[in-house]
C-alpha atoms as a PDB file:
ATOM      1  CA  MET A   1       1.532  21.682 -36.247  1.00  0.00           C
ATOM      2  CA  HIS A   2      -0.663  24.535 -35.173  1.00  0.00           C
ATOM      3  CA  PHE A   3       0.976  27.607 -32.917  1.00  0.00           C
ATOM      4  CA  CYS A   4      -0.642  30.496 -31.678  1.00  0.00           C
ATOM      5  CA  ILE A   5       0.366  34.026 -33.196  1.00  0.00           C
ATOM      6  CA  LEU A   6       0.715  36.496 -30.536  1.00  0.00           C
ATOM      7  CA  SER A   7      -0.274  39.332 -32.962  1.00  0.00           C
ATOM      8  CA  ASN A   8      -2.728  41.289 -33.910  1.00  0.00           C
ATOM      9  CA  LEU A   9      -4.644  40.424 -31.547  1.00  0.00           C
ATOM     10  CA  SER A  10      -7.841  42.357 -32.408  1.00  0.00           C
ATOM     11  CA  ALA A  11      -8.690  40.764 -34.871  1.00  0.00           C
ATOM     12  CA  GLN A  12      -9.551  37.267 -33.138  1.00  0.00           C
ATOM     13  CA  SER A  13     -12.332  36.873 -31.236  1.00  0.00           C
ATOM     14  CA  ALA A  14     -12.089  34.392 -27.617  1.00  0.00           C
ATOM     15  CA  GLU A  15     -14.139  31.481 -29.352  1.00  0.00           C
ATOM     16  CA  GLN A  16     -10.919  31.860 -32.502  1.00  0.00           C
ATOM     17  CA  TRP A  17      -7.961  32.045 -30.257  1.00  0.00           C
ATOM     18  CA  LEU A  18     -10.246  29.184 -28.158  1.00  0.00           C
ATOM     19  CA  GLN A  19     -10.748  27.319 -31.107  1.00  0.00           C
ATOM     20  CA  LYS A  20      -6.389  28.033 -31.918  1.00  0.00           C
ATOM     21  CA  GLY A  21      -6.236  25.799 -28.800  1.00  0.00           C
ATOM     22  CA  ILE A  22      -7.675  23.019 -29.658  1.00  0.00           C
ATOM     23  CA  LEU A  23      -5.600  22.447 -32.338  1.00  0.00           C
ATOM     24  CA  ALA A  24      -2.918  23.056 -30.958  1.00  0.00           C
ATOM     25  CA  GLU A  25      -3.507  20.851 -28.140  1.00  0.00           C
ATOM     26  CA  LYS A  26      -5.030  18.040 -30.863  1.00  0.00           C
ATOM     27  CA  SER A  27      -1.057  18.444 -32.203  1.00  0.00           C
ATOM     28  CA  ALA A  28       0.362  17.853 -28.626  1.00  0.00           C
ATOM     29  CA  ASN A  29       1.297  21.530 -28.622  1.00  0.00           C
ATOM     30  CA  TYR A  30       0.351  21.846 -24.788  1.00  0.00           C
ATOM     31  CA  ARG A  31       2.327  25.511 -24.395  1.00  0.00           C
ATOM     32  CA  SER A  32       1.209  27.195 -27.544  1.00  0.00           C
ATOM     33  CA  ALA A  33      -2.393  26.184 -26.796  1.00  0.00           C
ATOM     34  CA  VAL A  34      -2.060  27.566 -23.297  1.00  0.00           C
ATOM     35  CA  GLU A  35      -0.717  30.625 -24.874  1.00  0.00           C
ATOM     36  CA  CYS A  36      -4.176  30.726 -27.318  1.00  0.00           C
ATOM     37  CA  TYR A  37      -6.034  29.871 -24.219  1.00  0.00           C
ATOM     38  CA  ASP A  38      -4.795  33.013 -22.433  1.00  0.00           C
ATOM     39  CA  GLN A  39      -5.743  35.150 -25.575  1.00  0.00           C
ATOM     40  CA  ALA A  40      -8.905  33.901 -24.993  1.00  0.00           C
ATOM     41  CA  ILE A  41      -9.096  34.788 -20.973  1.00  0.00           C
ATOM     42  CA  LYS A  42      -8.447  37.914 -21.708  1.00  0.00           C
ATOM     43  CA  LEU A  43     -11.150  38.335 -23.932  1.00  0.00           C
ATOM     44  CA  GLU A  44     -13.821  36.654 -22.657  1.00  0.00           C
ATOM     45  CA  PRO A  45     -12.591  36.077 -18.312  1.00  0.00           C
ATOM     46  CA  ALA A  46     -16.134  34.901 -18.105  1.00  0.00           C
ATOM     47  CA  LEU A  47     -15.569  32.010 -20.456  1.00  0.00           C
ATOM     48  CA  PRO A  48     -15.451  28.643 -18.594  1.00  0.00           C
ATOM     49  CA  THR A  49     -14.365  26.250 -21.612  1.00  0.00           C
ATOM     50  CA  ALA A  50     -11.348  28.510 -21.702  1.00  0.00           C
ATOM     51  CA  TRP A  51     -10.342  28.386 -18.449  1.00  0.00           C
ATOM     52  CA  TYR A  52     -11.224  23.980 -18.178  1.00  0.00           C
ATOM     53  CA  ASN A  53      -9.609  23.822 -21.655  1.00  0.00           C
ATOM     54  CA  ARG A  54      -5.773  25.585 -20.495  1.00  0.00           C
ATOM     55  CA  GLY A  55      -6.703  23.675 -16.570  1.00  0.00           C
ATOM     56  CA  VAL A  56      -6.012  20.684 -19.595  1.00  0.00           C
ATOM     57  CA  ALA A  57      -3.607  21.745 -20.770  1.00  0.00           C
ATOM     58  CA  LYS A  58      -1.462  22.362 -18.070  1.00  0.00           C
ATOM     59  CA  ILE A  59      -2.386  18.848 -16.402  1.00  0.00           C
ATOM     60  CA  LYS A  60      -0.211  17.923 -19.796  1.00  0.00           C
ATOM     61  CA  LEU A  61       2.360  20.041 -18.829  1.00  0.00           C
ATOM     62  CA  LYS A  62       2.509  18.809 -15.350  1.00  0.00           C
ATOM     63  CA  GLN A  63       1.685  21.832 -14.198  1.00  0.00           C
ATOM     64  CA  TYR A  64      -0.914  20.668 -11.507  1.00  0.00           C
ATOM     65  CA  SER A  65      -0.932  23.237  -8.638  1.00  0.00           C
ATOM     66  CA  LEU A  66      -1.545  25.884 -12.095  1.00  0.00           C
ATOM     67  CA  ALA A  67      -4.240  23.722 -13.192  1.00  0.00           C
ATOM     68  CA  VAL A  68      -5.986  23.379 -10.031  1.00  0.00           C
ATOM     69  CA  VAL A  69      -6.515  26.608 -10.061  1.00  0.00           C
ATOM     70  CA  ASP A  70      -7.682  26.939 -13.744  1.00  0.00           C
ATOM     71  CA  LEU A  71     -10.193  24.263 -13.005  1.00  0.00           C
ATOM     72  CA  ASN A  72     -11.447  25.942 -10.369  1.00  0.00           C
ATOM     73  CA  LYS A  73     -12.267  29.294 -11.980  1.00  0.00           C
ATOM     74  CA  CYS A  74     -14.160  27.437 -14.851  1.00  0.00           C
ATOM     75  CA  ILE A  75     -16.137  25.130 -11.794  1.00  0.00           C
ATOM     76  CA  LEU A  76     -16.731  28.727 -10.052  1.00  0.00           C
ATOM     77  CA  LEU A  77     -18.088  30.137 -13.465  1.00  0.00           C
ATOM     78  CA  ASP A  78     -20.057  26.748 -14.085  1.00  0.00           C
ATOM     79  CA  THR A  79     -21.027  24.116 -11.309  1.00  0.00           C
ATOM     80  CA  GLY A  80     -22.535  21.503 -13.830  1.00  0.00           C
ATOM     81  CA  PHE A  81     -19.179  21.453 -15.586  1.00  0.00           C
ATOM     82  CA  HIS A  82     -18.137  17.488 -15.073  1.00  0.00           C
ATOM     83  CA  GLU A  83     -15.218  16.603 -17.198  1.00  0.00           C
ATOM     84  CA  ALA A  84     -13.943  19.638 -15.216  1.00  0.00           C
ATOM     85  CA  TYR A  85     -14.360  18.343 -11.828  1.00  0.00           C
ATOM     86  CA  PHE A  86     -12.902  14.959 -12.917  1.00  0.00           C
ATOM     87  CA  ASN A  87     -10.172  16.820 -14.438  1.00  0.00           C
ATOM     88  CA  ARG A  88      -9.414  18.509 -11.017  1.00  0.00           C
ATOM     89  CA  ALA A  89      -9.411  15.760  -9.407  1.00  0.00           C
ATOM     90  CA  VAL A  90      -6.317  14.533 -11.953  1.00  0.00           C
ATOM     91  CA  ALA A  91      -4.569  17.381 -11.044  1.00  0.00           C
ATOM     92  CA  LEU A  92      -5.376  17.284  -7.084  1.00  0.00           C
ATOM     93  CA  TRP A  93      -4.014  13.768  -7.265  1.00  0.00           C
ATOM     94  CA  ASN A  94      -0.505  14.454  -8.571  1.00  0.00           C
ATOM     95  CA  THR A  95      -0.525  17.465  -6.362  1.00  0.00           C
ATOM     96  CA  GLY A  96      -0.926  15.618  -3.182  1.00  0.00           C
ATOM     97  CA  ASN A  97      -4.549  16.501  -2.315  1.00  0.00           C
ATOM     98  CA  LEU A  98      -6.284  12.884  -2.014  1.00  0.00           C
ATOM     99  CA  GLN A  99      -8.982  13.830  -0.283  1.00  0.00           C
ATOM    100  CA  PHE A 100     -10.323  16.474  -2.408  1.00  0.00           C
ATOM    101  CA  ALA A 101      -9.125  14.649  -5.474  1.00  0.00           C
ATOM    102  CA  LEU A 102     -11.900  11.653  -4.001  1.00  0.00           C
ATOM    103  CA  THR A 103     -14.608  14.557  -3.194  1.00  0.00           C
ATOM    104  CA  ASP A 104     -14.175  15.397  -7.187  1.00  0.00           C
ATOM    105  CA  ILE A 105     -14.239  11.759  -8.618  1.00  0.00           C
ATOM    106  CA  ASN A 106     -17.431  10.610  -6.341  1.00  0.00           C
ATOM    107  CA  GLY A 107     -18.752  13.491  -7.978  1.00  0.00           C
ATOM    108  CA  TYR A 108     -18.069  12.672 -11.226  1.00  0.00           C
ATOM    109  CA  ILE A 109     -18.856   8.944 -10.711  1.00  0.00           C
ATOM    110  CA  LYS A 110     -22.366   9.949  -8.992  1.00  0.00           C
ATOM    111  CA  ASN A 111     -23.357  11.392 -12.162  1.00  0.00           C
ATOM    112  CA  TYR A 112     -21.489   8.708 -14.660  1.00  0.00           C
ATOM    113  CA  PRO A 113     -21.439   5.773 -12.950  1.00  0.00           C
ATOM    114  CA  ALA A 114     -20.137   3.478 -15.983  1.00  0.00           C
ATOM    115  CA  HIS A 115     -17.889   5.514 -16.811  1.00  0.00           C
ATOM    116  CA  ALA A 116     -14.189   3.217 -16.748  1.00  0.00           C
ATOM    117  CA  GLU A 117     -11.961   5.716 -17.027  1.00  0.00           C
ATOM    118  CA  ALA A 118     -13.122   7.274 -13.494  1.00  0.00           C
ATOM    119  CA  ARG A 119     -13.553   3.983 -11.839  1.00  0.00           C
ATOM    120  CA  GLU A 120     -10.191   3.345 -12.787  1.00  0.00           C
ATOM    121  CA  LEU A 121      -8.549   6.842 -11.623  1.00  0.00           C
ATOM    122  CA  ARG A 122     -10.696   6.587  -8.631  1.00  0.00           C
ATOM    123  CA  TYR A 123      -9.411   2.963  -7.440  1.00  0.00           C
ATOM    124  CA  MET A 124      -5.206   4.627  -7.714  1.00  0.00           C
ATOM    125  CA  ILE A 125      -6.252   7.028  -6.036  1.00  0.00           C
ATOM    126  CA  ALA A 126      -8.387   5.010  -3.522  1.00  0.00           C
ATOM    127  CA  LEU A 127      -5.383   2.618  -2.611  1.00  0.00           C
ATOM    128  CA  GLU A 128      -3.333   6.059  -2.363  1.00  0.00           C
ATOM    129  CA  ALA A 129      -5.028   7.202   0.014  1.00  0.00           C
ATOM    130  CA  GLN A 130      -5.460   3.675   1.724  1.00  0.00           C
ATOM    131  CA  ASP A 131      -9.379   3.741   1.027  1.00  0.00           C
ATOM    132  CA  TRP A 132      -9.452   0.666   1.065  1.00  0.00           C
ATOM    133  CA  ASP A 133     -13.446  -0.218   0.883  1.00  0.00           C
ATOM    134  CA  MET A 134     -13.394   2.495  -1.587  1.00  0.00           C
ATOM    135  CA  ALA A 135     -10.777   0.153  -3.494  1.00  0.00           C
ATOM    136  CA  ILE A 136     -12.951  -2.883  -2.953  1.00  0.00           C
ATOM    137  CA  GLN A 137     -15.809  -0.624  -4.377  1.00  0.00           C
ATOM    138  CA  ASP A 138     -14.109  -0.066  -8.011  1.00  0.00           C
ATOM    139  CA  LEU A 139     -12.001  -3.230  -8.501  1.00  0.00           C
ATOM    140  CA  LYS A 140     -15.038  -5.615  -8.171  1.00  0.00           C
ATOM    141  CA  TRP A 141     -16.920  -3.257 -10.607  1.00  0.00           C
ATOM    142  CA  LYS A 142     -13.954  -3.179 -12.872  1.00  0.00           C
ATOM    143  CA  THR A 143     -13.692  -6.862 -13.434  1.00  0.00           C
ATOM    144  CA  GLN A 144     -17.264  -7.454 -14.622  1.00  0.00           C
ATOM    145  CA  TYR A 145     -16.624  -5.529 -17.996  1.00  0.00           C
ATOM    146  CA  THR A 146     -12.518  -6.141 -17.696  1.00  0.00           C
ATOM    147  CA  THR A 147     -10.175  -8.686 -17.347  1.00  0.00           C
ATOM    148  CA  VAL A 148      -8.013  -7.834 -14.083  1.00  0.00           C
ATOM    149  CA  GLY A 149      -5.627 -10.608 -13.860  1.00  0.00           C
ATOM    150  CA  ASN A 150      -6.312 -12.471 -10.880  1.00  0.00           C
ATOM    151  CA  ALA A 151      -8.413  -9.974  -9.867  1.00  0.00           C
ATOM    152  CA  ASP A 152      -9.313 -12.154  -6.346  1.00  0.00           C
ATOM    153  CA  ALA A 153      -5.489 -12.146  -5.475  1.00  0.00           C
ATOM    154  CA  LEU A 154      -6.540  -7.841  -6.082  1.00  0.00           C
ATOM    155  CA  LEU A 155      -8.731  -8.614  -3.456  1.00  0.00           C
ATOM    156  CA  ALA A 156      -7.794 -10.287  -0.487  1.00  0.00           C
ATOM    157  CA  VAL A 157      -4.714  -7.817  -0.096  1.00  0.00           C
ATOM    158  CA  LEU A 158      -7.447  -5.663  -0.265  1.00  0.00           C
ATOM    159  CA  PHE A 159      -9.943  -7.568   2.489  1.00  0.00           C
ATOM    160  CA  GLU A 160      -6.807  -7.609   4.322  1.00  0.00           C
ATOM    161  CA  LYS A 161      -6.694  -4.116   4.918  1.00  0.00           C
ATOM    162  CA  ALA A 162      -9.906  -3.418   4.961  1.00  0.00           C
ATOM    163  CA  GLY A 163      -9.634  -5.573   8.642  1.00  0.00           C
ATOM    164  CA  LYS A 164     -11.822  -8.154   7.071  1.00  0.00           C
ATOM    165  CA  PRO A 165      -9.989 -11.445   6.803  1.00  0.00           C
ATOM    166  CA  GLU A 166     -13.135 -13.353   5.780  1.00  0.00           C
ATOM    167  CA  GLU A 167     -13.877 -12.270   2.962  1.00  0.00           C
ATOM    168  CA  ALA A 168      -9.726 -11.879   2.215  1.00  0.00           C
ATOM    169  CA  MET A 169      -9.821 -16.103   2.891  1.00  0.00           C
ATOM    170  CA  THR A 170     -12.569 -16.033   0.622  1.00  0.00           C
ATOM    171  CA  HIS A 171     -11.246 -14.322  -2.432  1.00  0.00           C
ATOM    172  CA  MET A 172      -7.292 -15.785  -1.725  1.00  0.00           C
ATOM    173  CA  GLU A 173      -8.609 -19.745  -1.963  1.00  0.00           C
ATOM    174  CA  ARG A 174     -10.974 -18.784  -5.597  1.00  0.00           C
ATOM    175  CA  ALA A 175      -7.253 -17.376  -6.515  1.00  0.00           C
ATOM    176  CA  VAL A 176      -5.457 -20.225  -5.772  1.00  0.00           C
ATOM    177  CA  ALA A 177      -8.238 -22.390  -7.331  1.00  0.00           C
ATOM    178  CA  LEU A 178      -8.168 -20.131 -10.533  1.00  0.00           C
ATOM    179  CA  VAL A 179      -4.048 -20.723 -11.353  1.00  0.00           C
ATOM    180  CA  PRO A 180      -2.890 -24.178  -8.815  1.00  0.00           C
ATOM    181  CA  GLY A 181      -0.355 -24.134 -10.959  1.00  0.00           C
ATOM    182  CA  ASP A 182       1.577 -20.558  -9.208  1.00  0.00           C
ATOM    183  CA  VAL A 183       3.913 -20.670  -6.229  1.00  0.00           C
ATOM    184  CA  ASN A 184       4.548 -17.403  -6.083  1.00  0.00           C
ATOM    185  CA  LEU A 185       0.622 -17.639  -5.421  1.00  0.00           C
ATOM    186  CA  GLN A 186       0.571 -20.120  -2.985  1.00  0.00           C
ATOM    187  CA  LEU A 187       2.991 -18.656  -0.838  1.00  0.00           C
ATOM    188  CA  GLU A 188       1.798 -15.298  -1.286  1.00  0.00           C
ATOM    189  CA  ALA A 189      -1.972 -17.723  -0.039  1.00  0.00           C
ATOM    190  CA  ALA A 190       0.276 -19.544   3.112  1.00  0.00           C
ATOM    191  CA  SER A 191       0.939 -16.176   4.954  1.00  0.00           C
ATOM    192  CA  LEU A 192      -2.177 -14.129   4.471  1.00  0.00           C
ATOM    193  CA  PHE A 193      -3.963 -17.498   6.253  1.00  0.00           C
ATOM    194  CA  GLN A 194      -0.532 -17.621   8.462  1.00  0.00           C
ATOM    195  CA  ARG A 195      -1.557 -13.297   9.527  1.00  0.00           C
ATOM    196  CA  THR A 196      -5.259 -14.839   9.917  1.00  0.00           C
ATOM    197  CA  GLY A 197      -4.815 -17.293  12.800  1.00  0.00           C
ATOM    198  CA  LYS A 198      -5.354 -20.334   9.942  1.00  0.00           C
ATOM    199  CA  TYR A 199      -2.224 -22.510  10.848  1.00  0.00           C
ATOM    200  CA  THR A 200      -3.503 -25.251   9.254  1.00  0.00           C
ATOM    201  CA  ARG A 201      -4.381 -24.145   5.776  1.00  0.00           C
ATOM    202  CA  SER A 202      -1.107 -22.009   5.589  1.00  0.00           C
ATOM    203  CA  MET A 203       1.112 -25.604   6.242  1.00  0.00           C
ATOM    204  CA  GLU A 204      -1.119 -27.850   3.658  1.00  0.00           C
ATOM    205  CA  LEU A 205      -0.191 -25.005   1.305  1.00  0.00           C
ATOM    206  CA  LEU A 206       3.466 -24.825   1.854  1.00  0.00           C
ATOM    207  CA  ASN A 207       3.731 -28.822   1.631  1.00  0.00           C
ATOM    208  CA  ARG A 208       2.333 -28.581  -1.580  1.00  0.00           C
ATOM    209  CA  ILE A 209       4.863 -25.942  -2.543  1.00  0.00           C
ATOM    210  CA  MET A 210       7.439 -28.487  -1.474  1.00  0.00           C
ATOM    211  CA  LEU A 211       6.507 -31.028  -3.896  1.00  0.00           C
ATOM    212  CA  GLN A 212       7.839 -28.792  -6.664  1.00  0.00           C
ATOM    213  CA  GLU A 213      10.704 -30.052  -7.876  1.00  0.00           C
ATOM    214  CA  THR A 214      12.360 -26.150  -9.373  1.00  0.00           C
ATOM    215  CA  LEU A 215      11.997 -24.428  -6.502  1.00  0.00           C
ATOM    216  CA  GLY A 216      15.225 -22.073  -5.805  1.00  0.00           C
ATOM    217  CA  GLU A 217      17.163 -22.617  -2.704  1.00  0.00           C
ATOM    218  CA  PRO A 218      16.148 -18.676  -1.384  1.00  0.00           C
ATOM    219  CA  PHE A 219      12.385 -20.138  -2.068  1.00  0.00           C
ATOM    220  CA  VAL A 220      12.785 -22.949  -0.639  1.00  0.00           C
ATOM    221  CA  ALA A 221      14.071 -20.756   2.217  1.00  0.00           C
ATOM    222  CA  GLU A 222      10.869 -18.630   2.833  1.00  0.00           C
ATOM    223  CA  VAL A 223       8.869 -21.285   2.886  1.00  0.00           C
ATOM    224  CA  GLN A 224      10.770 -23.070   5.169  1.00  0.00           C
ATOM    225  CA  HIS A 225      10.998 -20.009   7.097  1.00  0.00           C
ATOM    226  CA  LEU A 226       6.991 -19.609   7.159  1.00  0.00           C
ATOM    227  CA  LYS A 227       6.195 -23.082   7.572  1.00  0.00           C
ATOM    228  CA  ALA A 228       9.183 -22.754  11.072  1.00  0.00           C
ATOM    229  CA  ASP A 229       7.288 -19.760  12.108  1.00  0.00           C
ATOM    230  CA  ASN A 230       3.562 -21.672  11.337  1.00  0.00           C
ATOM    231  CA  TYR A 231       4.530 -24.229  14.447  1.00  0.00           C
ATOM    232  CA  PHE A 232       6.057 -21.504  16.440  1.00  0.00           C
ATOM    233  CA  PHE A 233       2.062 -19.789  16.345  1.00  0.00           C
ATOM    234  CA  MET A 234       0.807 -23.966  16.706  1.00  0.00           C
ATOM    235  CA  LYS A 235       3.199 -23.945  19.997  1.00  0.00           C
ATOM    236  CA  GLU A 236       5.546 -26.767  18.376  1.00  0.00           C
ATOM    237  CA  TYR A 237       7.779 -25.278  19.141  1.00  0.00           C
ATOM    238  CA  ALA A 238      10.766 -28.252  18.605  1.00  0.00           C
ATOM    239  CA  SER A 239       9.439 -28.571  15.462  1.00  0.00           C
ATOM    240  CA  ALA A 240      10.099 -24.691  15.128  1.00  0.00           C
ATOM    241  CA  ALA A 241      13.433 -24.906  16.195  1.00  0.00           C
ATOM    242  CA  ASP A 242      14.700 -26.936  14.066  1.00  0.00           C
ATOM    243  CA  ILE A 243      13.345 -25.237  10.704  1.00  0.00           C
ATOM    244  CA  TYR A 244      15.075 -22.223  12.223  1.00  0.00           C
ATOM    245  CA  THR A 245      18.537 -23.992  13.910  1.00  0.00           C
ATOM    246  CA  THR A 246      19.154 -25.030  10.082  1.00  0.00           C
ATOM    247  CA  LEU A 247      18.175 -21.617   7.828  1.00  0.00           C
ATOM    248  CA  LEU A 248      20.706 -20.601  10.350  1.00  0.00           C
ATOM    249  CA  GLN A 249      23.564 -22.145   9.623  1.00  0.00           C
ATOM    250  CA  LYS A 250      22.451 -21.441   6.026  1.00  0.00           C
ATOM    251  CA  ASP A 251      21.799 -18.020   6.937  1.00  0.00           C
ATOM    252  CA  THR A 252      23.801 -16.022   9.787  1.00  0.00           C
ATOM    253  CA  GLY A 253      23.107 -12.760   8.770  1.00  0.00           C
ATOM    254  CA  ASN A 254      19.444 -13.414   8.776  1.00  0.00           C
ATOM    255  CA  ALA A 255      18.567 -10.716  11.755  1.00  0.00           C
ATOM    256  CA  ASN A 256      14.801 -11.819  11.419  1.00  0.00           C
ATOM    257  CA  LEU A 257      15.077 -14.920  11.697  1.00  0.00           C
ATOM    258  CA  MET A 258      17.316 -14.676  13.911  1.00  0.00           C
ATOM    259  CA  ALA A 259      15.212 -13.108  16.469  1.00  0.00           C
ATOM    260  CA  ASP A 260      11.879 -15.266  15.809  1.00  0.00           C
ATOM    261  CA  TYR A 261      14.798 -18.384  16.715  1.00  0.00           C
ATOM    262  CA  GLY A 262      15.147 -16.197  19.917  1.00  0.00           C
ATOM    263  CA  HIS A 263      11.425 -16.069  20.635  1.00  0.00           C
ATOM    264  CA  CYS A 264      11.062 -20.093  20.049  1.00  0.00           C
ATOM    265  CA  LEU A 265      14.055 -20.573  22.686  1.00  0.00           C
ATOM    266  CA  LEU A 266      11.967 -18.041  25.319  1.00  0.00           C
ATOM    267  CA  GLN A 267       8.676 -20.592  24.855  1.00  0.00           C
ATOM    268  CA  GLN A 268      11.626 -23.485  25.462  1.00  0.00           C
ATOM    269  CA  GLU A 269      12.481 -21.735  28.527  1.00  0.00           C
ATOM    270  CA  LYS A 270      16.121 -21.663  27.255  1.00  0.00           C
ATOM    271  CA  PHE A 271      16.453 -19.016  29.402  1.00  0.00           C
ATOM    272  CA  THR A 272      20.308 -18.509  28.526  1.00  0.00           C
ATOM    273  CA  ASP A 273      19.858 -19.082  24.730  1.00  0.00           C
ATOM    274  CA  ALA A 274      17.348 -16.794  23.645  1.00  0.00           C
ATOM    275  CA  GLU A 275      19.047 -13.517  25.924  1.00  0.00           C
ATOM    276  CA  ILE A 276      21.900 -14.514  23.418  1.00  0.00           C
ATOM    277  CA  VAL A 277      20.623 -15.263  20.526  1.00  0.00           C
ATOM    278  CA  LEU A 278      18.066 -11.972  20.642  1.00  0.00           C
ATOM    279  CA  SER A 279      20.701  -9.809  21.768  1.00  0.00           C
ATOM    280  CA  ARG A 280      22.222 -11.132  18.199  1.00  0.00           C
ATOM    281  CA  ALA A 281      18.970 -10.000  16.535  1.00  0.00           C
ATOM    282  CA  ILE A 282      19.320  -6.565  18.260  1.00  0.00           C
ATOM    283  CA  LYS A 283      22.425  -6.057  17.622  1.00  0.00           C
ATOM    284  CA  MET A 284      22.199  -7.053  14.134  1.00  0.00           C
ATOM    285  CA  LYS A 285      19.471  -3.986  13.437  1.00  0.00           C
ATOM    286  CA  ASN A 286      16.208  -7.019  13.245  1.00  0.00           C
ATOM    287  CA  SER A 287      12.739  -5.242  11.748  1.00  0.00           C
ATOM    288  CA  SER A 288      11.201  -5.722  14.653  1.00  0.00           C
ATOM    289  CA  PRO A 289      13.287  -4.534  17.371  1.00  0.00           C
ATOM    290  CA  SER A 290      10.610  -2.986  19.491  1.00  0.00           C
ATOM    291  CA  TYR A 291       9.627  -6.845  19.992  1.00  0.00           C
ATOM    292  CA  ALA A 292      13.427  -8.182  20.474  1.00  0.00           C
ATOM    293  CA  TYR A 293      13.381  -5.973  23.258  1.00  0.00           C
ATOM    294  CA  LEU A 294      10.178  -7.452  24.781  1.00  0.00           C
ATOM    295  CA  GLY A 295      11.319 -10.948  24.433  1.00  0.00           C
ATOM    296  CA  ARG A 296      15.135 -10.527  25.915  1.00  0.00           C
ATOM    297  CA  GLY A 297      13.799  -8.801  28.972  1.00  0.00           C
ATOM    298  CA  LEU A 298      11.256 -11.517  29.257  1.00  0.00           C
ATOM    299  CA  ALA A 299      14.254 -13.941  29.099  1.00  0.00           C
ATOM    300  CA  ARG A 300      16.457 -11.793  31.135  1.00  0.00           C
ATOM    301  CA  LEU A 301      13.752 -11.593  34.042  1.00  0.00           C
ATOM    302  CA  LYS A 302      13.950 -15.458  34.477  1.00  0.00           C
ATOM    303  CA  LEU A 303      17.670 -14.631  34.460  1.00  0.00           C
ATOM    304  CA  GLU A 304      16.934 -12.664  37.548  1.00  0.00           C
ATOM    305  CA  LYS A 305      18.321 -10.105  35.664  1.00  0.00           C
ATOM    306  CA  GLY A 306      15.799  -7.260  36.881  1.00  0.00           C
ATOM    307  CA  GLU A 307      16.922  -4.257  35.990  1.00  0.00           C
ATOM    308  CA  GLU A 308      18.309  -5.082  32.354  1.00  0.00           C
ATOM    309  CA  ALA A 309      14.793  -6.865  31.966  1.00  0.00           C
ATOM    310  CA  CYS A 310      13.397  -3.505  32.589  1.00  0.00           C
ATOM    311  CA  ALA A 311      15.749  -1.411  30.202  1.00  0.00           C
ATOM    312  CA  ASP A 312      14.684  -3.554  27.764  1.00  0.00           C
ATOM    313  CA  TRP A 313      10.860  -3.506  28.074  1.00  0.00           C
ATOM    314  CA  GLU A 314      11.858   0.120  28.267  1.00  0.00           C
ATOM    315  CA  LYS A 315      13.576   0.614  24.718  1.00  0.00           C
ATOM    316  CA  SER A 316      10.665  -1.655  23.171  1.00  0.00           C
ATOM    317  CA  TYR A 317       7.567   0.614  24.953  1.00  0.00           C
ATOM    318  CA  LYS A 318       9.302   3.263  23.056  1.00  0.00           C
ATOM    319  CA  LEU A 319       9.352   1.985  20.064  1.00  0.00           C
ATOM    320  CA  GLY A 320       6.212   0.923  19.699  1.00  0.00           C
ATOM    321  CA  GLU A 321       5.732  -2.437  21.347  1.00  0.00           C
ATOM    322  CA  LYS A 322       2.262  -1.503  23.885  1.00  0.00           C
ATOM    323  CA  ALA A 323       2.546  -5.246  25.486  1.00  0.00           C
ATOM    324  CA  ALA A 324       5.999  -4.023  27.114  1.00  0.00           C
ATOM    325  CA  LYS A 325       4.144  -1.153  29.831  1.00  0.00           C
ATOM    326  CA  LYS A 326       2.473  -4.516  31.164  1.00  0.00           C
ATOM    327  CA  TYR A 327       5.812  -6.153  32.229  1.00  0.00           C
ATOM    328  CA  LEU A 328       6.754  -2.345  33.051  1.00  0.00           C
ATOM    329  CA  ASP A 329       3.809  -1.981  35.352  1.00  0.00           C
ATOM    330  CA  THR A 330       4.314  -5.025  37.303  1.00  0.00           C
ATOM    331  CA  TYR A 331       7.730  -5.802  37.766  1.00  0.00           C
ATOM    332  CA  CYS A 332       9.278  -1.808  36.610  1.00  0.00           C
ATOM    333  CA  LYS A 333       7.955   0.483  39.337  1.00  0.00           C
ATOM    334  CA  LYS A 334       9.988   3.009  41.221  1.00  0.00           C
ATOM    335  CA  GLN A 335       9.972   2.565  44.709  1.00  0.00           C
ATOM    336  CA  GLU A 336       8.838   6.106  46.254  1.00  0.00           C
END
């Protein structure tokens, strides 16, 4: 183990303290390394490697904000110190400064485009910053050189987040083809195809899943719920209602399932039942109350409960449902 002895300082040059710090750091004695770099900087404040090494040691100690300060000084002294940009990106990422971290790592990758660790770092920062196009770029690069599980499944998720559904579906089809027996992946694919309006393809996958003999009851319920939602979007409301009813008999406390069933009843023009079911979903705190309030308002309008309908749409709009404004403007204008 290597430690810095803080005595007889005059006998040590800045370069000697720097080398002592490097030896301490190699032995994972990061606090000792920082002490050595402190002495090097005191003797030679314009030594960029001392600032750089101290910044890296502070990253190892998880002192990220302090590391940024040291790496800033290193770059100020030597703007061509490329490793400093890489490590500052690490420190900035860990302090939550995602855009500055991306700027640094982008500059580093411009000089070292084949640096695998830098690509991985940028991929992780891009995910957190929700820069989906950047994440796609790095994941594609990564798959050229390493095995990344089922990369097409990951790419499908990223393309959907990037607002590119066609590319998402293409990659998801490839992912399913690679492992045709993976029912979890098939369910993920079925969900994606439903979200992108490919209901027939979604149903094909769900029906394939149901041919499996070893599915647990919770998994089957999830598949059935997705099938009911597909029927709903395909305007086959009776088929959807049959599944919703069966599922609710086994899971009476499922608020989201209750809300979906309520909207199905609304489409079947069963307005009294829809009002009751959506009221239960709201009381049970389903995950999309704005949509439930919107639907209940429509049911109440048909039941000639205008004031209550307007109250529901007001709540729906305040919770973020933009469609509620149309009904508020049409049916709930204040009389002068």
